[in-house]
N, C-alpha and C. Protein backbone atom coordinates (compact mmCIF):
# COMPACT_ATOMS: atom_id res chain seq x y z
N MET A 1 14.93 21.82 14.99
CA MET A 1 13.99 22.68 14.62
C MET A 1 14.55 23.39 12.83
N ILE A 2 13.05 23.69 12.23
CA ILE A 2 13.48 23.83 10.69
C ILE A 2 13.45 25.30 10.72
N PRO A 3 14.69 25.96 9.99
CA PRO A 3 14.72 27.56 10.25
C PRO A 3 13.42 27.54 9.15
N LYS A 4 12.44 29.05 9.29
CA LYS A 4 11.62 29.75 9.44
C LYS A 4 11.36 29.79 7.48
N GLU A 5 12.81 29.92 6.89
CA GLU A 5 12.40 30.08 5.33
C GLU A 5 12.58 28.70 4.67
N SER A 6 13.08 28.01 5.32
CA SER A 6 12.70 26.70 5.15
C SER A 6 11.29 26.26 4.80
N ALA A 7 11.10 25.58 6.46
CA ALA A 7 9.25 26.14 6.96
C ALA A 7 8.22 26.60 6.13
N GLN A 8 8.50 27.12 5.38
CA GLN A 8 8.01 28.21 4.28
C GLN A 8 7.40 27.18 3.13
N LYS A 9 8.83 26.61 2.21
CA LYS A 9 8.47 26.03 1.06
C LYS A 9 8.30 24.39 1.50
N TYR A 10 8.37 23.67 2.46
CA TYR A 10 8.02 22.71 2.96
C TYR A 10 7.17 22.29 3.40
N HIS A 11 6.43 21.32 3.12
CA HIS A 11 4.80 21.36 4.34
C HIS A 11 5.68 20.55 5.64
N TYR A 12 5.42 21.05 7.02
CA TYR A 12 6.18 20.64 8.19
C TYR A 12 4.63 20.38 8.76
N PRO A 13 3.98 18.93 9.08
CA PRO A 13 2.71 18.43 9.65
C PRO A 13 3.02 18.65 11.08
N GLU A 14 2.72 19.65 12.01
CA GLU A 14 3.48 19.63 13.00
C GLU A 14 2.78 19.14 14.53
N SER A 15 1.73 18.94 13.95
CA SER A 15 0.63 18.35 14.66
C SER A 15 0.78 16.70 14.89
N LEU A 16 1.28 16.09 13.65
CA LEU A 16 1.88 14.81 13.17
C LEU A 16 2.72 14.40 14.58
N TRP A 17 3.50 15.40 14.69
CA TRP A 17 5.53 14.99 15.31
C TRP A 17 4.76 15.29 16.76
N ASN A 18 4.27 16.54 16.98
CA ASN A 18 4.36 16.50 18.18
C ASN A 18 3.47 16.46 19.45
N LYS A 19 2.33 15.87 18.38
CA LYS A 19 0.99 14.94 19.75
C LYS A 19 0.93 13.59 19.64
N ASP A 20 1.02 12.73 18.12
CA ASP A 20 1.20 11.21 18.31
C ASP A 20 1.67 10.82 17.03
N PRO A 21 2.13 10.60 16.85
CA PRO A 21 2.70 10.05 15.13
C PRO A 21 2.61 8.45 15.04
N PHE A 22 2.20 8.08 16.46
CA PHE A 22 2.14 6.06 16.24
C PHE A 22 0.77 5.86 16.43
N VAL A 23 -0.55 7.12 16.15
CA VAL A 23 -1.87 6.44 16.68
C VAL A 23 -2.17 5.33 15.82
N ILE A 24 -1.66 5.20 14.50
CA ILE A 24 -2.41 4.39 13.89
C ILE A 24 -1.89 2.76 14.16
N MET A 25 -0.19 2.15 14.53
CA MET A 25 0.05 1.46 15.21
C MET A 25 -0.59 1.22 16.48
N LYS A 26 -1.27 2.30 17.43
CA LYS A 26 -1.77 1.92 18.51
C LYS A 26 -3.22 1.52 18.36
N LYS A 27 -3.59 1.62 17.97
CA LYS A 27 -5.01 1.13 17.38
C LYS A 27 -4.71 -0.22 17.17
N ILE A 28 -3.57 -1.29 16.31
CA ILE A 28 -3.53 -2.31 16.10
C ILE A 28 -2.42 -3.11 17.07
N HIS A 29 -3.62 -4.24 17.47
CA HIS A 29 -3.15 -5.09 18.51
C HIS A 29 -2.16 -6.37 17.80
N PHE A 30 -0.75 -6.44 18.45
CA PHE A 30 -0.85 -7.45 17.61
C PHE A 30 -0.16 -8.52 18.57
N GLN A 31 -0.70 -9.58 18.08
CA GLN A 31 -0.60 -10.52 18.92
C GLN A 31 0.52 -12.00 18.90
N LYS A 32 1.17 -11.80 19.74
CA LYS A 32 2.54 -13.10 20.00
C LYS A 32 2.54 -14.00 18.74
N TYR A 33 1.40 -14.47 18.01
CA TYR A 33 1.86 -15.07 17.03
C TYR A 33 1.60 -14.50 15.29
N ALA A 34 1.33 -13.57 15.44
CA ALA A 34 1.96 -12.70 14.41
C ALA A 34 2.88 -12.84 13.62
N GLY A 35 3.93 -12.65 13.67
CA GLY A 35 5.05 -12.09 13.92
C GLY A 35 5.36 -11.17 13.03
N LEU A 36 4.76 -11.25 12.02
CA LEU A 36 4.94 -10.02 10.98
C LEU A 36 3.39 -9.18 10.51
N CYS A 37 4.34 -8.18 10.20
CA CYS A 37 3.40 -7.44 9.62
C CYS A 37 3.55 -7.02 7.97
N TYR A 38 2.66 -6.55 7.14
CA TYR A 38 2.94 -5.96 6.08
C TYR A 38 2.19 -4.93 5.97
N TYR A 39 3.07 -3.73 5.55
CA TYR A 39 2.38 -2.37 5.00
C TYR A 39 2.37 -2.14 3.74
N SER A 40 1.86 -0.79 3.17
CA SER A 40 1.74 -0.29 2.09
C SER A 40 1.31 1.25 2.30
N ILE A 41 1.86 2.43 1.38
CA ILE A 41 1.48 3.56 1.51
C ILE A 41 1.62 4.04 0.42
N ALA A 42 0.07 4.27 -0.04
CA ALA A 42 -0.05 5.21 -1.11
C ALA A 42 -0.38 6.91 -0.80
N THR A 43 -0.68 7.82 -1.85
CA THR A 43 -0.85 9.11 -1.57
C THR A 43 -1.81 9.56 -2.90
N ASP A 44 -3.01 10.32 -2.72
CA ASP A 44 -3.01 11.54 -3.80
C ASP A 44 -2.82 12.48 -3.68
N GLY A 45 -1.95 13.40 -2.55
CA GLY A 45 -1.36 14.28 -2.34
C GLY A 45 -2.25 14.91 -1.59
N ASP A 46 -3.44 14.62 -1.06
CA ASP A 46 -4.04 15.30 0.13
C ASP A 46 -4.37 14.56 1.34
N PHE A 47 -4.35 12.88 1.20
CA PHE A 47 -4.68 11.98 1.85
C PHE A 47 -3.11 10.97 1.80
N LEU A 48 -2.87 10.12 2.77
CA LEU A 48 -1.85 9.31 3.26
C LEU A 48 -2.80 8.04 3.19
N TYR A 49 -3.25 7.23 1.90
CA TYR A 49 -3.55 5.79 2.86
C TYR A 49 -2.57 4.86 2.82
N ILE A 50 -2.53 4.58 4.01
CA ILE A 50 -1.89 2.81 4.48
C ILE A 50 -2.84 2.19 4.82
N TYR A 51 -2.03 0.95 4.13
CA TYR A 51 -2.80 -0.94 4.42
C TYR A 51 -2.25 -1.61 5.57
N VAL A 52 -2.52 -1.67 6.90
CA VAL A 52 -1.76 -2.43 7.24
C VAL A 52 -2.02 -4.08 7.31
N SER A 53 -1.32 -5.06 6.96
CA SER A 53 -1.56 -6.24 7.26
C SER A 53 -1.13 -7.13 8.04
N ALA A 54 -1.48 -7.30 8.93
CA ALA A 54 -1.08 -7.55 10.65
C ALA A 54 -3.20 -8.53 10.95
N ILE A 55 -2.78 -9.53 11.79
CA ILE A 55 -3.29 -10.16 12.80
C ILE A 55 -4.99 -8.97 12.90
N ASN A 56 -4.73 -7.77 13.63
CA ASN A 56 -5.99 -6.90 13.58
C ASN A 56 -4.91 -5.79 12.63
N GLY A 57 -5.53 -5.90 11.64
CA GLY A 57 -4.46 -4.88 10.60
C GLY A 57 -6.15 -4.07 10.26
N GLY A 58 -5.40 -2.87 9.02
CA GLY A 58 -6.60 -2.44 8.46
C GLY A 58 -6.42 -1.47 7.64
N MET A 59 -6.71 -0.59 6.84
CA MET A 59 -6.91 0.51 5.91
C MET A 59 -6.94 1.91 6.57
N TYR A 60 -6.25 2.50 6.52
CA TYR A 60 -6.43 3.89 6.88
C TYR A 60 -6.39 5.19 5.76
N LYS A 61 -7.16 6.36 5.88
CA LYS A 61 -6.81 7.01 5.06
C LYS A 61 -6.87 8.67 6.62
N VAL A 62 -5.22 9.24 5.84
CA VAL A 62 -5.05 9.81 6.63
C VAL A 62 -4.69 11.11 5.97
N GLY A 63 -5.44 12.16 6.77
CA GLY A 63 -4.70 14.02 6.13
C GLY A 63 -3.48 14.15 5.95
N THR A 64 -3.18 14.94 4.97
CA THR A 64 -1.23 15.45 5.23
C THR A 64 -1.36 16.82 5.28
N GLY A 65 -2.23 17.42 5.64
CA GLY A 65 -2.06 18.65 5.78
C GLY A 65 -2.04 19.93 4.44
N TYR A 66 -2.44 19.33 3.71
CA TYR A 66 -2.55 20.36 2.26
C TYR A 66 -4.11 19.69 1.62
N ASN A 67 -4.91 21.04 1.45
CA ASN A 67 -6.16 21.18 0.69
C ASN A 67 -7.13 20.81 1.59
N ASN A 68 -6.89 22.14 3.09
CA ASN A 68 -8.00 21.70 3.70
C ASN A 68 -7.98 20.28 4.60
N THR A 69 -6.88 19.34 4.57
CA THR A 69 -6.86 18.79 5.41
C THR A 69 -6.28 18.55 6.45
N LYS A 70 -6.34 18.15 7.50
CA LYS A 70 -5.34 18.02 9.40
C LYS A 70 -4.60 17.02 9.10
N ALA A 71 -3.22 17.41 9.10
CA ALA A 71 -1.82 16.21 8.93
C ALA A 71 -2.52 15.52 9.85
N GLY A 72 -2.20 13.99 9.91
CA GLY A 72 -2.49 13.35 10.86
C GLY A 72 -3.36 12.59 11.64
N LYS A 73 -4.96 13.38 10.86
CA LYS A 73 -5.91 13.21 11.24
C LYS A 73 -6.38 11.75 10.60
N ILE A 74 -6.66 10.81 11.05
CA ILE A 74 -7.61 9.94 10.52
C ILE A 74 -9.08 9.85 9.92
N TYR A 75 -9.01 10.33 8.94
CA TYR A 75 -10.19 10.88 8.06
C TYR A 75 -11.46 9.05 8.07
N MET A 76 -10.44 8.30 7.84
CA MET A 76 -11.45 7.19 7.43
C MET A 76 -10.66 5.74 7.78
N GLU A 77 -11.19 4.67 8.51
CA GLU A 77 -10.72 3.46 8.65
C GLU A 77 -11.28 2.22 8.63
N LYS A 78 -10.69 1.22 8.12
CA LYS A 78 -11.45 -0.35 7.85
C LYS A 78 -10.76 -1.37 8.49
N GLU A 79 -11.48 -2.02 9.41
CA GLU A 79 -10.42 -3.02 9.81
C GLU A 79 -10.65 -4.21 8.83
N ILE A 80 -9.45 -4.86 9.14
CA ILE A 80 -9.14 -5.97 7.99
C ILE A 80 -8.37 -7.37 8.91
N HIS A 81 -9.49 -8.56 9.35
CA HIS A 81 -9.29 -9.18 9.77
C HIS A 81 -8.69 -10.96 9.17
N PHE A 82 -7.57 -11.14 9.93
CA PHE A 82 -7.27 -12.74 8.96
C PHE A 82 -7.43 -13.59 10.46
N PRO A 83 -7.76 -14.77 10.00
CA PRO A 83 -8.45 -15.75 10.86
C PRO A 83 -6.98 -16.04 11.76
N ILE A 84 -7.21 -16.35 12.80
CA ILE A 84 -5.74 -16.90 13.53
C ILE A 84 -5.41 -18.28 12.91
N GLY A 85 -4.20 -18.30 12.54
CA GLY A 85 -3.03 -19.02 12.28
C GLY A 85 -2.85 -19.33 10.97
N THR A 86 -3.63 -18.36 9.99
CA THR A 86 -3.23 -18.19 8.56
C THR A 86 -2.34 -16.89 8.57
N LYS A 87 -1.72 -16.92 6.96
CA LYS A 87 -0.26 -16.60 7.41
C LYS A 87 -0.59 -14.90 6.33
N VAL A 88 -0.51 -13.98 7.10
CA VAL A 88 -0.58 -12.25 6.61
C VAL A 88 -0.30 -12.21 5.10
N ASP A 89 -1.05 -11.46 3.99
CA ASP A 89 -0.94 -10.90 3.36
C ASP A 89 0.08 -10.33 3.01
N GLU A 90 1.09 -10.14 2.11
CA GLU A 90 1.99 -9.77 1.71
C GLU A 90 1.38 -8.38 0.55
N VAL A 91 1.03 -6.83 0.81
CA VAL A 91 0.76 -6.36 0.36
C VAL A 91 1.67 -4.87 -0.44
N ASN A 92 0.69 -4.14 -1.54
CA ASN A 92 1.13 -3.21 -2.11
C ASN A 92 0.09 -2.79 -2.77
N TRP A 93 -0.30 -1.57 -2.45
CA TRP A 93 -1.24 -0.96 -3.23
C TRP A 93 -0.63 1.07 -3.74
N VAL A 94 -1.24 1.41 -4.90
CA VAL A 94 -1.18 2.83 -5.52
C VAL A 94 -1.79 3.24 -5.56
N TYR A 95 -2.21 4.64 -5.48
CA TYR A 95 -3.28 5.57 -6.48
C TYR A 95 -3.07 5.49 -7.30
N LEU A 96 -4.16 5.96 -7.96
CA LEU A 96 -3.89 6.07 -9.91
C LEU A 96 -5.23 6.77 -9.96
N LYS A 97 -5.22 7.54 -10.55
CA LYS A 97 -6.29 8.55 -11.16
C LYS A 97 -7.74 8.08 -10.45
N GLY A 98 -8.00 8.10 -9.30
CA GLY A 98 -9.22 8.16 -8.51
C GLY A 98 -9.57 6.85 -7.97
N LYS A 99 -8.52 6.16 -7.68
CA LYS A 99 -8.77 4.61 -7.37
C LYS A 99 -7.52 3.96 -7.21
N LEU A 100 -7.44 2.91 -5.93
CA LEU A 100 -6.30 2.40 -5.42
C LEU A 100 -6.10 0.99 -5.42
N TYR A 101 -5.30 0.51 -6.24
CA TYR A 101 -5.03 -0.69 -6.70
C TYR A 101 -4.44 -1.45 -5.95
N LEU A 102 -4.88 -3.21 -5.09
CA LEU A 102 -3.95 -3.70 -4.29
C LEU A 102 -3.66 -4.73 -4.82
N LYS A 103 -2.47 -5.24 -5.07
CA LYS A 103 -1.91 -6.17 -5.10
C LYS A 103 -1.56 -7.18 -3.92
N SER A 104 -1.97 -8.39 -3.29
CA SER A 104 -1.69 -8.99 -2.24
C SER A 104 -1.27 -10.07 -2.57
N SER A 105 -0.66 -10.68 -1.51
CA SER A 105 0.30 -11.84 -2.01
C SER A 105 -0.57 -13.55 -1.82
N SER A 106 -1.77 -13.18 -1.35
CA SER A 106 -2.93 -14.51 -1.45
C SER A 106 -3.48 -14.94 -2.68
N LYS A 107 -3.35 -13.46 -3.55
CA LYS A 107 -4.57 -13.74 -5.03
C LYS A 107 -2.76 -13.86 -6.17
N ASP A 108 -3.67 -14.17 -7.49
CA ASP A 108 -2.63 -14.34 -8.16
C ASP A 108 -1.98 -13.31 -8.22
N PRO A 109 -0.67 -12.82 -8.72
CA PRO A 109 -0.17 -11.60 -9.40
C PRO A 109 -0.39 -10.77 -9.68
N TRP A 110 -0.98 -11.50 -10.80
CA TRP A 110 -1.63 -10.40 -11.99
C TRP A 110 -3.46 -10.33 -11.89
N ILE A 111 -3.74 -10.11 -10.73
CA ILE A 111 -5.19 -9.85 -10.62
C ILE A 111 -4.49 -8.63 -9.31
N LEU A 112 -5.46 -7.27 -9.57
CA LEU A 112 -5.67 -6.14 -8.50
C LEU A 112 -6.83 -5.66 -8.12
N GLU A 113 -7.13 -5.56 -7.07
CA GLU A 113 -8.49 -4.99 -6.46
C GLU A 113 -7.98 -3.81 -6.85
N VAL A 114 -9.59 -3.29 -7.18
CA VAL A 114 -10.25 -1.77 -7.16
C VAL A 114 -10.67 -1.34 -6.00
N ILE A 115 -10.25 -0.55 -5.07
CA ILE A 115 -10.75 0.22 -4.38
C ILE A 115 -11.12 1.22 -4.11
N ASP A 116 -12.26 2.03 -3.84
CA ASP A 116 -12.53 2.94 -3.72
C ASP A 116 -12.30 3.58 -2.56
N PRO A 117 -11.41 5.20 -2.59
CA PRO A 117 -10.74 5.03 -2.20
C PRO A 117 -11.73 6.26 -0.66
N ASN A 118 -12.83 6.39 -1.17
CA ASN A 118 -13.38 7.31 -0.09
C ASN A 118 -14.39 6.15 0.87
N THR A 119 -14.51 5.17 0.51
CA THR A 119 -15.02 3.91 0.97
C THR A 119 -14.34 2.55 1.62
N PHE A 120 -13.21 2.24 0.79
CA PHE A 120 -12.57 1.72 0.78
C PHE A 120 -13.02 -0.02 0.77
N LYS A 121 -14.50 -0.06 -0.06
CA LYS A 121 -15.10 -0.91 -0.61
C LYS A 121 -14.40 -1.32 -1.76
N LYS A 122 -14.20 -2.65 -1.73
CA LYS A 122 -13.72 -3.06 -3.61
C LYS A 122 -14.81 -3.11 -4.45
N GLU A 123 -14.18 -2.64 -5.86
CA GLU A 123 -15.03 -2.28 -6.61
C GLU A 123 -15.11 -3.24 -8.05
N GLY A 124 -13.73 -4.08 -7.71
CA GLY A 124 -13.45 -5.21 -9.05
C GLY A 124 -12.62 -5.65 -8.87
N THR A 125 -11.64 -6.07 -10.42
CA THR A 125 -10.48 -6.36 -10.32
C THR A 125 -9.70 -6.37 -11.77
N VAL A 126 -8.96 -5.80 -11.79
CA VAL A 126 -8.00 -6.48 -13.21
C VAL A 126 -7.23 -7.03 -13.19
N GLN A 127 -7.17 -7.26 -14.52
CA GLN A 127 -6.03 -8.26 -14.80
C GLN A 127 -5.10 -7.51 -15.46
N LEU A 128 -3.61 -8.05 -15.05
CA LEU A 128 -2.81 -7.65 -15.74
C LEU A 128 -2.41 -8.55 -17.06
N PHE A 129 -1.92 -8.09 -18.42
CA PHE A 129 -1.58 -9.11 -19.02
C PHE A 129 0.07 -9.24 -19.55
N CYS A 130 0.73 -10.16 -18.69
CA CYS A 130 2.67 -9.91 -18.94
C CYS A 130 2.75 -10.81 -19.06
N PRO A 131 2.89 -11.59 -20.15
CA PRO A 131 3.51 -13.08 -20.24
C PRO A 131 4.38 -13.50 -20.38
N SER A 132 5.55 -12.54 -20.36
CA SER A 132 7.23 -12.48 -20.03
C SER A 132 7.46 -12.46 -18.30
N LEU A 133 6.38 -11.85 -17.41
CA LEU A 133 6.68 -12.31 -15.97
C LEU A 133 5.85 -13.31 -15.53
N PHE A 134 4.56 -13.63 -15.98
CA PHE A 134 3.52 -14.85 -15.38
C PHE A 134 3.89 -15.58 -16.37
N GLY A 135 4.03 -15.72 -17.33
CA GLY A 135 4.02 -16.95 -18.19
C GLY A 135 4.02 -18.26 -17.96
N GLN A 136 4.98 -19.01 -16.80
CA GLN A 136 5.02 -20.43 -16.51
C GLN A 136 5.19 -19.85 -14.65
N GLN A 137 5.02 -20.68 -14.03
CA GLN A 137 5.47 -21.27 -12.98
C GLN A 137 6.43 -20.55 -12.13
N SER A 138 7.99 -21.04 -12.55
CA SER A 138 9.04 -19.99 -12.30
C SER A 138 8.89 -18.60 -12.28
N LEU A 139 8.09 -18.08 -12.82
CA LEU A 139 7.90 -16.75 -13.10
C LEU A 139 7.36 -15.51 -12.33
N ILE A 140 5.91 -16.81 -12.26
CA ILE A 140 5.58 -16.06 -11.05
C ILE A 140 5.80 -16.33 -9.58
N ASN A 141 6.59 -17.32 -9.03
CA ASN A 141 6.56 -17.38 -8.13
C ASN A 141 8.56 -16.50 -8.07
N LEU A 142 8.60 -15.99 -8.86
CA LEU A 142 9.15 -14.91 -9.26
C LEU A 142 9.57 -13.47 -9.04
N ASN A 143 8.13 -13.04 -9.24
CA ASN A 143 7.49 -11.66 -9.61
C ASN A 143 6.29 -11.96 -8.31
N LYS A 144 5.95 -12.73 -7.58
CA LYS A 144 4.60 -12.41 -6.75
C LYS A 144 5.03 -11.77 -5.61
N ASN A 145 6.08 -11.22 -5.64
CA ASN A 145 5.93 -10.27 -4.72
C ASN A 145 6.51 -8.86 -5.06
N SER A 146 6.32 -8.97 -6.47
CA SER A 146 7.12 -7.04 -7.06
C SER A 146 6.24 -6.37 -6.93
N PRO A 147 6.89 -5.38 -6.31
CA PRO A 147 5.94 -4.04 -6.37
C PRO A 147 4.81 -3.32 -7.58
N LEU A 148 4.11 -2.56 -6.89
CA LEU A 148 3.13 -1.71 -8.08
C LEU A 148 3.55 -0.38 -8.12
N MET A 149 3.59 0.61 -8.86
CA MET A 149 4.50 1.86 -9.23
C MET A 149 3.40 2.83 -9.79
N THR A 150 3.29 3.73 -9.75
CA THR A 150 2.93 4.89 -10.72
C THR A 150 3.24 6.10 -10.96
N ASP A 151 2.83 7.18 -11.71
CA ASP A 151 3.68 8.17 -12.38
C ASP A 151 3.35 9.65 -11.91
N GLY A 152 1.36 8.98 -11.29
CA GLY A 152 0.25 9.63 -11.44
C GLY A 152 -0.63 9.39 -12.61
N ASN A 153 -0.15 8.68 -13.97
CA ASN A 153 -0.53 8.86 -15.41
C ASN A 153 -0.86 6.99 -15.62
N ASN A 154 -0.09 6.40 -14.87
CA ASN A 154 0.02 5.21 -15.16
C ASN A 154 0.35 4.15 -14.64
N LEU A 155 0.20 2.75 -14.64
CA LEU A 155 0.24 2.01 -13.50
C LEU A 155 1.61 1.28 -14.00
N TYR A 156 2.88 0.65 -12.83
CA TYR A 156 4.01 0.11 -13.87
C TYR A 156 4.12 -1.32 -12.69
N PHE A 157 4.19 -2.50 -12.82
CA PHE A 157 4.74 -3.56 -12.06
C PHE A 157 6.25 -3.79 -12.72
N LEU A 158 6.93 -3.39 -11.16
CA LEU A 158 8.31 -4.26 -11.57
C LEU A 158 8.33 -5.45 -11.55
N GLY A 159 9.01 -6.19 -12.64
CA GLY A 159 9.45 -7.68 -12.43
C GLY A 159 10.53 -8.06 -12.99
N THR A 160 10.96 -9.14 -12.99
CA THR A 160 11.51 -9.99 -13.52
C THR A 160 11.62 -10.85 -14.53
N ARG A 161 12.25 -10.59 -15.61
CA ARG A 161 12.67 -12.11 -17.08
C ARG A 161 13.37 -12.57 -16.49
N LEU A 162 13.45 -14.02 -16.78
CA LEU A 162 14.62 -15.05 -17.16
C LEU A 162 15.14 -15.07 -18.56
N LYS A 163 16.10 -15.11 -18.05
CA LYS A 163 17.00 -15.21 -20.41
C LYS A 163 18.16 -16.03 -19.78
N ILE A 164 17.74 -17.56 -20.55
CA ILE A 164 17.96 -18.42 -20.90
C ILE A 164 19.41 -18.41 -21.62
N CYS A 165 20.50 -18.38 -21.29
CA CYS A 165 22.22 -18.03 -22.42
C CYS A 165 22.35 -19.63 -22.52
N LYS A 166 22.36 -19.95 -23.59
CA LYS A 166 23.34 -21.32 -23.80
C LYS A 166 24.97 -21.46 -23.70
N ASN A 167 25.72 -21.76 -22.82
CA ASN A 167 27.25 -22.51 -22.95
C ASN A 167 27.45 -22.16 -24.48
N GLN A 168 28.71 -21.61 -24.69
CA GLN A 168 29.04 -21.78 -25.66
C GLN A 168 30.04 -22.70 -26.26
């Protein structure tokens, strides 16, 4: 139980926990052969944007309880289907300045899809220019699953660079 003074300071989406916090997961039917499920969560402060990469996955826009949204309510969803026998994408997405930026393992790691958060339609792509992270195949392999991040103003890619040291 959250004390009253704490409940006033922090948002407590009571309807999310008291009713059914796993509505999205119930919508997805995981087949035995799927094995893995990848997901990524982003927010604009009013909504959570959840990307579930699975055989019968999807994109979801869920209310947070702020600015007249209902906590836990699914406002929009779009199904994503991977053909049986194909590898499910590892995904990472962030919300930045009115758009969702998606990085998936089936594409080159420096190519991001730009997605409209109100329709979940792809609007285009952005190409990151980072030769120190993607300049050669060993770097691409090292950084292909590195995460995207944002501070609300800038997009960041957390990557690893190789430093070759000569023995003395």
